Each structure stands twice: as structure tokens, then as C-alpha cells.
Amino acid sequence: METKIKIERELRPWQRKMNEVIFGAETPAGKWFDIILLIIILISVIGVMLESVPGIREDWGELLHTGEWVLTIIFSLEYIARLLCVKRPILYIFSFYGVIDLLSVLPTYLGLFFVGTGPLRVLRCVRLLRLFRILKLHQFVEDSERLMRALKSSRTKITVFLFTVLMLVVILGTIMYLVEDHQSGFTSIPRSIYWAIVTLTTVGYGDIAPSTPLGQFIASIVMILGYAIIAVPTGIVTNELMNDKNNIVSNRACPNCSKDDHDEDADFCKHCGHQL
């Protein structure tokens, strides 16, 4: 019983108010909080980019370093505040946004012990995904949800398709290894398979090319197959999208698990069952 109380704690009035501000993008205070947070994230990402320029680093390195620590402290306090105002902090820690928030502050602290972790701070730009929720871009949120459902529904077909493509490139690579000589670059079956993948996907680096008439004929067939192969997964996912129902989602955040992809008319969280 004690363990359950520790995990699912009751929020005090100030914690509920904090939850509305931090997670409630539909409230004016919550919207302004997230907009200010986005501006700070943008400043931080721009600072990381500028710091990678040698000339700017030499002239403004001290200022950029100080600013980075100020922003890191702000992000750390924000992360702690998010943990304080949810009923089940452990769920937020391992949620998508929770992991991203943690990764956004770790590189700076790791820089005290390891060299070369600074550029990892650019991971903070992933936090800009909150823009879709903050600006109430329901259409984008809805479309992304539909796409994820379509990909999940078609995962078996896509897996079979990828396995078929894998077998095809192995066969084609082996044939090209037998047809072409080593002077053309087909020095081994794995290298020939690499050529088959590059050609089949219509990338065409040109570092390996067939020189014999038979090899060029096979290459032409592979190129034509490439266009057909690109169309197959597109058709699979499109078919699933057409079959998917159009559900309207809300950006209300659950006070228990902090997830916000609920239906517009939902009264309870579809992830944890807590009342919204």
C-alpha cells in the first residue's frame, strides 16, 4: 500500500496548478509557458550551432559557454518541475517527451567528465515537437496519429516486402559477381550486394558499374525494378490510411501520465485510465 501511495500520489493544489501551466496547452498560462520554453530552446540550439563555428567560438566562446550553463539550469529546473506536478513521475520519465527532456540536459553535465559531448545538445531541437500541441495544430497531430496507425497496421506486409527485397538483392548481387570481373569493382558477393542495393533504390553512387553487355542488361532490369519497388510500400501504407477512420484528437494532457493524444470527447485517459 505504501509503495502504491508513493507511485500514485495525490496532487496538492499548487501541484495541480503547476500541472495546468506546464502540461495544459489549452490554458492561456500553459500556452505562454510553452511558447517561452520554445523560444529558449531555439536560443539554445542556435547557440550550439554558433559554438561549432571556429571564428565565433574564438571571439564569443566564453559568453556562449556561460549562456549554455544558464539555459541548462533552466531546463533542469523545468524537468524537475514536470516531475513534481504529475501523479506518476516514473511514467513521465520513460515517456517520449520525458526521455527527450532528460537527454536535452545530460550532454552539458556529461561535458564535465567527457570531452566531445557538446554537440549532442542539439538534441534539444526535438523538443520543438511540442509546437504541434502548443499551437493546437490538430490537423498535424491527427495526420501523424493516422500515419502511425497505418504503419502499425501494415507492419506485417512491409516486413514481408522488405524480406523479399533482401532476397532479391542477394540474388542480383550474386549474379553480378559471377557475370562481372573484379576490375569493374565486383570483388566479392557482399560488395556486389551493395551495388544491387544502391541500384535498386535508384541512388546510383556510381562507384561500382558493370562493364560487360550482360551486366549492363541486368543493371537496366534492376533500375526498372527500383521504380516498382518504391511504389509497393507507398501503396501498402496508402491503403491502410484510406481504411483508417478520421478521429479528432485533443491536446489535453493527462494529469497522471502526462500524455495528450486523447479523443476530443474523452473523459478518461486511454493510456492509464485516469480521469481527464
C-alpha atoms as a PDB file:
ATOM      1  CA  MET A   1       0.000   0.000   0.000  1.00  0.00           C
ATOM      2  CA  GLU A   2       2.866   2.338   0.865  1.00  0.00           C
ATOM      3  CA  THR A   3       4.502   1.647  -2.492  1.00  0.00           C
ATOM      4  CA  LYS A   4       1.295   2.497  -4.328  1.00  0.00           C
ATOM      5  CA  ILE A   5       0.959   5.765  -2.432  1.00  0.00           C
ATOM      6  CA  LYS A   6       4.482   6.715  -3.364  1.00  0.00           C
ATOM      7  CA  ILE A   7       3.897   5.970  -7.057  1.00  0.00           C
ATOM      8  CA  GLU A   8       0.374   7.370  -7.379  1.00  0.00           C
ATOM      9  CA  ARG A   9       0.497  10.350  -5.076  1.00  0.00           C
ATOM     10  CA  GLU A  10      -2.325  12.837  -4.679  1.00  0.00           C
ATOM     11  CA  LEU A  11      -1.505  16.226  -6.098  1.00  0.00           C
ATOM     12  CA  ARG A  12      -1.715  19.236  -3.836  1.00  0.00           C
ATOM     13  CA  PRO A  13      -3.417  22.429  -5.051  1.00  0.00           C
ATOM     14  CA  TRP A  14      -0.121  24.046  -6.062  1.00  0.00           C
ATOM     15  CA  GLN A  15       0.897  20.895  -7.914  1.00  0.00           C
ATOM     16  CA  ARG A  16      -2.407  20.824  -9.808  1.00  0.00           C
ATOM     17  CA  LYS A  17      -1.943  24.477 -10.719  1.00  0.00           C
ATOM     18  CA  MET A  18       1.599  23.783 -11.866  1.00  0.00           C
ATOM     19  CA  ASN A  19       0.347  20.844 -13.924  1.00  0.00           C
ATOM     20  CA  GLU A  20      -2.188  23.065 -15.674  1.00  0.00           C
ATOM     21  CA  VAL A  21       0.533  25.570 -16.566  1.00  0.00           C
ATOM     22  CA  ILE A  22       3.223  23.097 -17.650  1.00  0.00           C
ATOM     23  CA  PHE A  23       1.099  20.465 -19.386  1.00  0.00           C
ATOM     24  CA  GLY A  24      -2.123  22.315 -20.160  1.00  0.00           C
ATOM     25  CA  ALA A  25      -1.511  23.875 -23.562  1.00  0.00           C
ATOM     26  CA  GLU A  26      -5.212  24.749 -23.812  1.00  0.00           C
ATOM     27  CA  THR A  27      -4.966  27.234 -20.941  1.00  0.00           C
ATOM     28  CA  PRO A  28      -3.585  30.754 -21.570  1.00  0.00           C
ATOM     29  CA  ALA A  29      -0.901  30.323 -18.902  1.00  0.00           C
ATOM     30  CA  GLY A  30       0.078  26.923 -20.267  1.00  0.00           C
ATOM     31  CA  LYS A  31       0.283  28.240 -23.807  1.00  0.00           C
ATOM     32  CA  TRP A  32       2.528  31.134 -22.797  1.00  0.00           C
ATOM     33  CA  PHE A  33       4.698  28.815 -20.736  1.00  0.00           C
ATOM     34  CA  ASP A  34       5.299  26.542 -23.719  1.00  0.00           C
ATOM     35  CA  ILE A  35       5.854  29.434 -26.132  1.00  0.00           C
ATOM     36  CA  ILE A  36       8.515  30.921 -23.835  1.00  0.00           C
ATOM     37  CA  LEU A  37      10.030  27.462 -23.463  1.00  0.00           C
ATOM     38  CA  LEU A  38      10.174  27.056 -27.246  1.00  0.00           C
ATOM     39  CA  ILE A  39      11.957  30.408 -27.593  1.00  0.00           C
ATOM     40  CA  ILE A  40      14.531  29.319 -25.006  1.00  0.00           C
ATOM     41  CA  ILE A  41      15.008  26.002 -26.828  1.00  0.00           C
ATOM     42  CA  LEU A  42      15.568  27.838 -30.120  1.00  0.00           C
ATOM     43  CA  ILE A  43      18.123  30.127 -28.489  1.00  0.00           C
ATOM     44  CA  SER A  44      19.901  27.118 -27.043  1.00  0.00           C
ATOM     45  CA  VAL A  45      20.013  25.226 -30.363  1.00  0.00           C
ATOM     46  CA  ILE A  46      21.275  28.317 -32.197  1.00  0.00           C
ATOM     47  CA  GLY A  47      23.942  28.735 -29.512  1.00  0.00           C
ATOM     48  CA  VAL A  48      25.143  25.158 -30.002  1.00  0.00           C
ATOM     49  CA  MET A  49      25.369  25.728 -33.761  1.00  0.00           C
ATOM     50  CA  LEU A  50      27.252  29.015 -33.391  1.00  0.00           C
ATOM     51  CA  GLU A  51      29.673  27.421 -30.952  1.00  0.00           C
ATOM     52  CA  SER A  52      30.731  24.950 -33.650  1.00  0.00           C
ATOM     53  CA  VAL A  53      31.963  27.818 -35.891  1.00  0.00           C
ATOM     54  CA  PRO A  54      35.703  28.323 -35.128  1.00  0.00           C
ATOM     55  CA  GLY A  55      35.692  32.116 -35.572  1.00  0.00           C
ATOM     56  CA  ILE A  56      32.623  32.655 -33.400  1.00  0.00           C
ATOM     57  CA  ARG A  57      33.928  30.211 -30.789  1.00  0.00           C
ATOM     58  CA  GLU A  58      37.208  32.137 -30.512  1.00  0.00           C
ATOM     59  CA  ASP A  59      35.520  35.526 -30.131  1.00  0.00           C
ATOM     60  CA  TRP A  60      32.386  34.612 -28.172  1.00  0.00           C
ATOM     61  CA  GLY A  61      33.250  31.244 -26.657  1.00  0.00           C
ATOM     62  CA  GLU A  62      33.159  32.481 -23.060  1.00  0.00           C
ATOM     63  CA  LEU A  63      29.752  34.122 -23.465  1.00  0.00           C
ATOM     64  CA  LEU A  64      28.291  31.092 -25.268  1.00  0.00           C
ATOM     65  CA  HIS A  65      29.620  28.756 -22.588  1.00  0.00           C
ATOM     66  CA  THR A  66      28.096  30.864 -19.799  1.00  0.00           C
ATOM     67  CA  GLY A  67      24.795  31.130 -21.656  1.00  0.00           C
ATOM     68  CA  GLU A  68      24.734  27.376 -22.182  1.00  0.00           C
ATOM     69  CA  TRP A  69      25.024  26.724 -18.451  1.00  0.00           C
ATOM     70  CA  VAL A  70      22.281  29.264 -17.688  1.00  0.00           C
ATOM     71  CA  LEU A  71      19.961  27.550 -20.186  1.00  0.00           C
ATOM     72  CA  THR A  72      20.883  24.101 -18.876  1.00  0.00           C
ATOM     73  CA  ILE A  73      19.959  25.141 -15.345  1.00  0.00           C
ATOM     74  CA  ILE A  74      16.617  26.479 -16.650  1.00  0.00           C
ATOM     75  CA  PHE A  75      15.930  23.194 -18.459  1.00  0.00           C
ATOM     76  CA  SER A  76      16.923  21.223 -15.363  1.00  0.00           C
ATOM     77  CA  LEU A  77      14.533  23.176 -13.157  1.00  0.00           C
ATOM     78  CA  GLU A  78      11.777  22.753 -15.739  1.00  0.00           C
ATOM     79  CA  TYR A  79      12.380  18.987 -15.844  1.00  0.00           C
ATOM     80  CA  ILE A  80      12.211  18.767 -12.035  1.00  0.00           C
ATOM     81  CA  ALA A  81       9.016  20.848 -12.061  1.00  0.00           C
ATOM     82  CA  ARG A  82       7.422  18.424 -14.522  1.00  0.00           C
ATOM     83  CA  LEU A  83       8.234  15.516 -12.215  1.00  0.00           C
ATOM     84  CA  LEU A  84       6.783  17.355  -9.222  1.00  0.00           C
ATOM     85  CA  CYS A  85       3.397  18.064 -10.800  1.00  0.00           C
ATOM     86  CA  VAL A  86       2.438  14.622 -12.136  1.00  0.00           C
ATOM     87  CA  LYS A  87       0.899  11.804 -10.139  1.00  0.00           C
ATOM     88  CA  ARG A  88       3.213   9.148 -11.540  1.00  0.00           C
ATOM     89  CA  PRO A  89       6.639  10.665 -12.260  1.00  0.00           C
ATOM     90  CA  ILE A  90       8.061   7.328 -13.400  1.00  0.00           C
ATOM     91  CA  LEU A  91       5.621   7.300 -16.348  1.00  0.00           C
ATOM     92  CA  TYR A  92       6.761  10.729 -17.448  1.00  0.00           C
ATOM     93  CA  ILE A  93      10.450   9.832 -17.106  1.00  0.00           C
ATOM     94  CA  PHE A  94      10.070   6.962 -19.571  1.00  0.00           C
ATOM     95  CA  SER A  95       7.602   8.725 -21.884  1.00  0.00           C
ATOM     96  CA  PHE A  96       8.745  10.105 -25.245  1.00  0.00           C
ATOM     97  CA  TYR A  97       8.887  13.722 -24.104  1.00  0.00           C
ATOM     98  CA  GLY A  98      10.338  12.702 -20.743  1.00  0.00           C
ATOM     99  CA  VAL A  99      13.282  10.951 -22.380  1.00  0.00           C
ATOM    100  CA  ILE A 100      13.838  13.885 -24.755  1.00  0.00           C
ATOM    101  CA  ASP A 101      13.733  16.376 -21.868  1.00  0.00           C
ATOM    102  CA  LEU A 102      16.315  14.356 -19.967  1.00  0.00           C
ATOM    103  CA  LEU A 103      18.588  13.962 -22.991  1.00  0.00           C
ATOM    104  CA  SER A 104      18.440  17.722 -23.565  1.00  0.00           C
ATOM    105  CA  VAL A 105      20.204  18.463 -20.269  1.00  0.00           C
ATOM    106  CA  LEU A 106      22.544  15.477 -19.926  1.00  0.00           C
ATOM    107  CA  PRO A 107      25.170  16.488 -22.553  1.00  0.00           C
ATOM    108  CA  THR A 108      26.127  19.651 -20.685  1.00  0.00           C
ATOM    109  CA  TYR A 109      26.629  17.779 -17.421  1.00  0.00           C
ATOM    110  CA  LEU A 110      28.446  14.945 -19.188  1.00  0.00           C
ATOM    111  CA  GLY A 111      30.789  17.581 -20.631  1.00  0.00           C
ATOM    112  CA  LEU A 112      32.236  17.977 -17.135  1.00  0.00           C
ATOM    113  CA  PHE A 113      33.559  14.402 -17.303  1.00  0.00           C
ATOM    114  CA  PHE A 114      33.808  13.578 -21.019  1.00  0.00           C
ATOM    115  CA  VAL A 115      35.159  15.511 -23.984  1.00  0.00           C
ATOM    116  CA  GLY A 116      33.145  15.949 -27.175  1.00  0.00           C
ATOM    117  CA  THR A 117      29.601  15.719 -25.792  1.00  0.00           C
ATOM    118  CA  GLY A 118      28.793  19.392 -26.503  1.00  0.00           C
ATOM    119  CA  PRO A 119      27.281  18.939 -29.994  1.00  0.00           C
ATOM    120  CA  LEU A 120      24.787  16.440 -28.524  1.00  0.00           C
ATOM    121  CA  ARG A 121      22.998  19.442 -27.032  1.00  0.00           C
ATOM    122  CA  VAL A 122      21.427  19.983 -30.426  1.00  0.00           C
ATOM    123  CA  LEU A 123      19.056  17.142 -29.416  1.00  0.00           C
ATOM    124  CA  ARG A 124      17.046  19.899 -27.775  1.00  0.00           C
ATOM    125  CA  CYS A 125      15.607  20.761 -31.158  1.00  0.00           C
ATOM    126  CA  VAL A 126      13.489  17.579 -30.846  1.00  0.00           C
ATOM    127  CA  ARG A 127      11.639  19.321 -28.058  1.00  0.00           C
ATOM    128  CA  LEU A 128      10.246  21.678 -30.682  1.00  0.00           C
ATOM    129  CA  LEU A 129       7.770  18.900 -31.476  1.00  0.00           C
ATOM    130  CA  ARG A 130       5.700  20.447 -28.707  1.00  0.00           C
ATOM    131  CA  LEU A 131       4.925  23.186 -31.212  1.00  0.00           C
ATOM    132  CA  PHE A 132       2.180  20.986 -32.710  1.00  0.00           C
ATOM    133  CA  ARG A 133       0.459  20.716 -29.326  1.00  0.00           C
ATOM    134  CA  ILE A 134       1.027  24.327 -28.271  1.00  0.00           C
ATOM    135  CA  LEU A 135      -0.426  25.915 -31.398  1.00  0.00           C
ATOM    136  CA  LYS A 136      -3.334  23.440 -31.429  1.00  0.00           C
ATOM    137  CA  LEU A 137      -2.375  22.112 -34.839  1.00  0.00           C
ATOM    138  CA  HIS A 138      -4.944  19.322 -34.612  1.00  0.00           C
ATOM    139  CA  GLN A 139      -4.658  18.514 -38.283  1.00  0.00           C
ATOM    140  CA  PHE A 140      -0.936  17.775 -37.985  1.00  0.00           C
ATOM    141  CA  VAL A 141      -1.404  15.801 -34.788  1.00  0.00           C
ATOM    142  CA  GLU A 142      -4.284  13.872 -36.286  1.00  0.00           C
ATOM    143  CA  ASP A 143      -2.408  13.116 -39.505  1.00  0.00           C
ATOM    144  CA  SER A 144       0.654  11.930 -37.619  1.00  0.00           C
ATOM    145  CA  GLU A 145      -1.535   9.648 -35.494  1.00  0.00           C
ATOM    146  CA  ARG A 146      -3.213   8.231 -38.585  1.00  0.00           C
ATOM    147  CA  LEU A 147       0.161   7.643 -40.230  1.00  0.00           C
ATOM    148  CA  MET A 148       1.470   5.808 -37.165  1.00  0.00           C
ATOM    149  CA  ARG A 149      -1.651   3.631 -37.055  1.00  0.00           C
ATOM    150  CA  ALA A 150      -1.299   2.882 -40.768  1.00  0.00           C
ATOM    151  CA  LEU A 151       2.350   1.924 -40.366  1.00  0.00           C
ATOM    152  CA  LYS A 152       1.489  -0.284 -37.404  1.00  0.00           C
ATOM    153  CA  SER A 153      -1.356  -1.982 -39.279  1.00  0.00           C
ATOM    154  CA  SER A 154       0.799  -2.634 -42.339  1.00  0.00           C
ATOM    155  CA  ARG A 155       3.928  -3.755 -40.466  1.00  0.00           C
ATOM    156  CA  THR A 156       3.423  -7.419 -41.443  1.00  0.00           C
ATOM    157  CA  LYS A 157       3.074  -6.616 -45.142  1.00  0.00           C
ATOM    158  CA  ILE A 158       6.041  -4.250 -45.030  1.00  0.00           C
ATOM    159  CA  THR A 159       8.145  -6.875 -43.238  1.00  0.00           C
ATOM    160  CA  VAL A 160       7.337  -9.449 -45.945  1.00  0.00           C
ATOM    161  CA  PHE A 161       8.127  -6.845 -48.597  1.00  0.00           C
ATOM    162  CA  LEU A 162      11.499  -5.980 -47.036  1.00  0.00           C
ATOM    163  CA  PHE A 163      12.373  -9.669 -46.713  1.00  0.00           C
ATOM    164  CA  THR A 164      11.552 -10.141 -50.407  1.00  0.00           C
ATOM    165  CA  VAL A 165      13.731  -7.171 -51.340  1.00  0.00           C
ATOM    166  CA  LEU A 166      16.551  -8.575 -49.207  1.00  0.00           C
ATOM    167  CA  MET A 167      16.405 -11.888 -51.033  1.00  0.00           C
ATOM    168  CA  LEU A 168      16.258 -10.076 -54.367  1.00  0.00           C
ATOM    169  CA  VAL A 169      19.399  -8.007 -53.759  1.00  0.00           C
ATOM    170  CA  VAL A 170      21.275 -11.084 -52.544  1.00  0.00           C
ATOM    171  CA  ILE A 171      20.356 -12.961 -55.748  1.00  0.00           C
ATOM    172  CA  LEU A 172      21.128  -9.978 -58.001  1.00  0.00           C
ATOM    173  CA  GLY A 173      24.403  -9.293 -56.219  1.00  0.00           C
ATOM    174  CA  THR A 174      25.489 -12.894 -56.581  1.00  0.00           C
ATOM    175  CA  ILE A 175      24.601 -12.907 -60.289  1.00  0.00           C
ATOM    176  CA  MET A 176      26.571  -9.704 -60.892  1.00  0.00           C
ATOM    177  CA  TYR A 177      29.551 -11.171 -59.036  1.00  0.00           C
ATOM    178  CA  LEU A 178      29.508 -14.120 -61.443  1.00  0.00           C
ATOM    179  CA  VAL A 179      28.917 -12.004 -64.552  1.00  0.00           C
ATOM    180  CA  GLU A 180      31.321  -9.100 -63.950  1.00  0.00           C
ATOM    181  CA  ASP A 181      35.070  -9.215 -63.381  1.00  0.00           C
ATOM    182  CA  HIS A 182      36.951  -7.766 -60.418  1.00  0.00           C
ATOM    183  CA  GLN A 183      38.254  -4.813 -62.437  1.00  0.00           C
ATOM    184  CA  SER A 184      34.730  -3.403 -62.549  1.00  0.00           C
ATOM    185  CA  GLY A 185      34.542  -3.321 -58.738  1.00  0.00           C
ATOM    186  CA  PHE A 186      32.590  -6.521 -58.142  1.00  0.00           C
ATOM    187  CA  THR A 187      35.339  -8.020 -55.987  1.00  0.00           C
ATOM    188  CA  SER A 188      33.079 -10.003 -53.649  1.00  0.00           C
ATOM    189  CA  ILE A 189      29.462 -11.012 -53.178  1.00  0.00           C
ATOM    190  CA  PRO A 190      28.884  -8.514 -50.298  1.00  0.00           C
ATOM    191  CA  ARG A 191      30.254  -5.691 -52.461  1.00  0.00           C
ATOM    192  CA  SER A 192      28.065  -6.836 -55.341  1.00  0.00           C
ATOM    193  CA  ILE A 193      25.053  -6.865 -52.996  1.00  0.00           C
ATOM    194  CA  TYR A 194      25.954  -3.290 -52.029  1.00  0.00           C
ATOM    195  CA  TRP A 195      25.820  -2.381 -55.745  1.00  0.00           C
ATOM    196  CA  ALA A 196      22.437  -4.095 -56.069  1.00  0.00           C
ATOM    197  CA  ILE A 197      21.024  -2.126 -53.120  1.00  0.00           C
ATOM    198  CA  VAL A 198      22.350   1.188 -54.460  1.00  0.00           C
ATOM    199  CA  THR A 199      20.975   0.487 -57.938  1.00  0.00           C
ATOM    200  CA  LEU A 200      17.634  -0.946 -56.818  1.00  0.00           C
ATOM    201  CA  THR A 201      16.936   2.081 -54.615  1.00  0.00           C
ATOM    202  CA  THR A 202      17.804   4.385 -57.565  1.00  0.00           C
ATOM    203  CA  VAL A 203      20.544   6.078 -55.524  1.00  0.00           C
ATOM    204  CA  GLY A 204      23.279   5.308 -58.050  1.00  0.00           C
ATOM    205  CA  TYR A 205      26.552   6.436 -56.456  1.00  0.00           C
ATOM    206  CA  GLY A 206      28.495   5.279 -59.495  1.00  0.00           C
ATOM    207  CA  ASP A 207      31.449   3.924 -57.525  1.00  0.00           C
ATOM    208  CA  ILE A 208      30.750   0.466 -58.995  1.00  0.00           C
ATOM    209  CA  ALA A 209      29.438  -0.006 -62.529  1.00  0.00           C
ATOM    210  CA  PRO A 210      29.096  -3.041 -64.821  1.00  0.00           C
ATOM    211  CA  SER A 211      31.263  -3.096 -67.936  1.00  0.00           C
ATOM    212  CA  THR A 212      30.039  -6.193 -69.790  1.00  0.00           C
ATOM    213  CA  PRO A 213      26.938  -6.152 -72.044  1.00  0.00           C
ATOM    214  CA  LEU A 214      25.224  -8.821 -69.939  1.00  0.00           C
ATOM    215  CA  GLY A 215      25.998  -6.945 -66.732  1.00  0.00           C
ATOM    216  CA  GLN A 216      24.657  -3.694 -68.174  1.00  0.00           C
ATOM    217  CA  PHE A 217      21.489  -5.508 -69.290  1.00  0.00           C
ATOM    218  CA  ILE A 218      20.963  -6.878 -65.770  1.00  0.00           C
ATOM    219  CA  ALA A 219      21.638  -3.405 -64.356  1.00  0.00           C
ATOM    220  CA  SER A 220      18.941  -1.952 -66.613  1.00  0.00           C
ATOM    221  CA  ILE A 221      16.445  -4.506 -65.318  1.00  0.00           C
ATOM    222  CA  VAL A 222      17.404  -3.668 -61.721  1.00  0.00           C
ATOM    223  CA  MET A 223      16.893   0.054 -62.368  1.00  0.00           C
ATOM    224  CA  ILE A 224      13.399  -0.548 -63.749  1.00  0.00           C
ATOM    225  CA  LEU A 225      12.592  -2.804 -60.782  1.00  0.00           C
ATOM    226  CA  GLY A 226      13.664   0.027 -58.491  1.00  0.00           C
ATOM    227  CA  TYR A 227      10.721   2.215 -59.514  1.00  0.00           C
ATOM    228  CA  ALA A 228       8.263  -0.616 -58.927  1.00  0.00           C
ATOM    229  CA  ILE A 229       9.755  -1.413 -55.528  1.00  0.00           C
ATOM    230  CA  ILE A 230       9.438   2.216 -54.398  1.00  0.00           C
ATOM    231  CA  ALA A 231       5.711   2.138 -55.245  1.00  0.00           C
ATOM    232  CA  VAL A 232       4.924  -1.036 -53.253  1.00  0.00           C
ATOM    233  CA  PRO A 233       5.342   0.236 -49.638  1.00  0.00           C
ATOM    234  CA  THR A 234       3.691   3.510 -50.612  1.00  0.00           C
ATOM    235  CA  GLY A 235       0.642   1.597 -51.840  1.00  0.00           C
ATOM    236  CA  ILE A 236       0.539  -0.556 -48.699  1.00  0.00           C
ATOM    237  CA  VAL A 237       0.583   2.430 -46.337  1.00  0.00           C
ATOM    238  CA  THR A 238      -1.836   4.433 -48.511  1.00  0.00           C
ATOM    239  CA  ASN A 239      -4.332   1.584 -48.438  1.00  0.00           C
ATOM    240  CA  GLU A 240      -4.163   1.467 -44.642  1.00  0.00           C
ATOM    241  CA  LEU A 241      -4.611   5.242 -44.480  1.00  0.00           C
ATOM    242  CA  MET A 242      -7.734   5.015 -46.605  1.00  0.00           C
ATOM    243  CA  ASN A 243      -9.162   2.374 -44.280  1.00  0.00           C
ATOM    244  CA  ASP A 244      -8.345   4.364 -41.159  1.00  0.00           C
ATOM    245  CA  LYS A 245     -11.169   6.292 -39.552  1.00  0.00           C
ATOM    246  CA  ASN A 246     -10.805  10.002 -39.051  1.00  0.00           C
ATOM    247  CA  ASN A 247     -10.607  10.571 -35.282  1.00  0.00           C
ATOM    248  CA  ILE A 248     -10.327  14.063 -33.805  1.00  0.00           C
ATOM    249  CA  VAL A 249      -7.692  14.330 -31.100  1.00  0.00           C
ATOM    250  CA  SER A 250      -7.329  16.788 -28.260  1.00  0.00           C
ATOM    251  CA  ASN A 251      -4.185  18.312 -26.813  1.00  0.00           C
ATOM    252  CA  ARG A 252      -5.382  17.925 -23.222  1.00  0.00           C
ATOM    253  CA  ALA A 253      -2.651  16.379 -21.093  1.00  0.00           C
ATOM    254  CA  CYS A 254      -3.462  13.655 -18.573  1.00  0.00           C
ATOM    255  CA  PRO A 255      -2.511  14.789 -15.040  1.00  0.00           C
ATOM    256  CA  ASN A 256      -1.471  11.226 -14.230  1.00  0.00           C
ATOM    257  CA  CYS A 257       0.735  10.091 -17.139  1.00  0.00           C
ATOM    258  CA  SER A 258       1.107  13.437 -19.000  1.00  0.00           C
ATOM    259  CA  LYS A 259       0.176  12.007 -22.412  1.00  0.00           C
ATOM    260  CA  ASP A 260      -2.034  14.218 -24.579  1.00  0.00           C
ATOM    261  CA  ASP A 261      -3.251  12.321 -27.664  1.00  0.00           C
ATOM    262  CA  HIS A 262      -6.820  11.803 -26.438  1.00  0.00           C
ATOM    263  CA  ASP A 263     -10.076  11.922 -28.371  1.00  0.00           C
ATOM    264  CA  GLU A 264     -11.900  15.238 -28.245  1.00  0.00           C
ATOM    265  CA  ASP A 265     -14.846  13.790 -26.273  1.00  0.00           C
ATOM    266  CA  ALA A 266     -12.766  11.559 -23.968  1.00  0.00           C
ATOM    267  CA  ASP A 267     -13.360  11.779 -20.204  1.00  0.00           C
ATOM    268  CA  PHE A 268     -10.632   9.325 -19.236  1.00  0.00           C
ATOM    269  CA  CYS A 269      -7.064   8.824 -20.387  1.00  0.00           C
ATOM    270  CA  LYS A 270      -6.785   5.990 -22.913  1.00  0.00           C
ATOM    271  CA  HIS A 271      -3.278   5.204 -21.663  1.00  0.00           C
ATOM    272  CA  CYS A 272      -3.687   4.936 -17.909  1.00  0.00           C
ATOM    273  CA  GLY A 273      -7.463   5.288 -17.350  1.00  0.00           C
ATOM    274  CA  HIS A 274      -7.167   8.399 -15.147  1.00  0.00           C
ATOM    275  CA  GLN A 275      -9.922  10.995 -15.339  1.00  0.00           C
ATOM    276  CA  LEU A 276      -9.042  13.929 -17.591  1.00  0.00           C
END
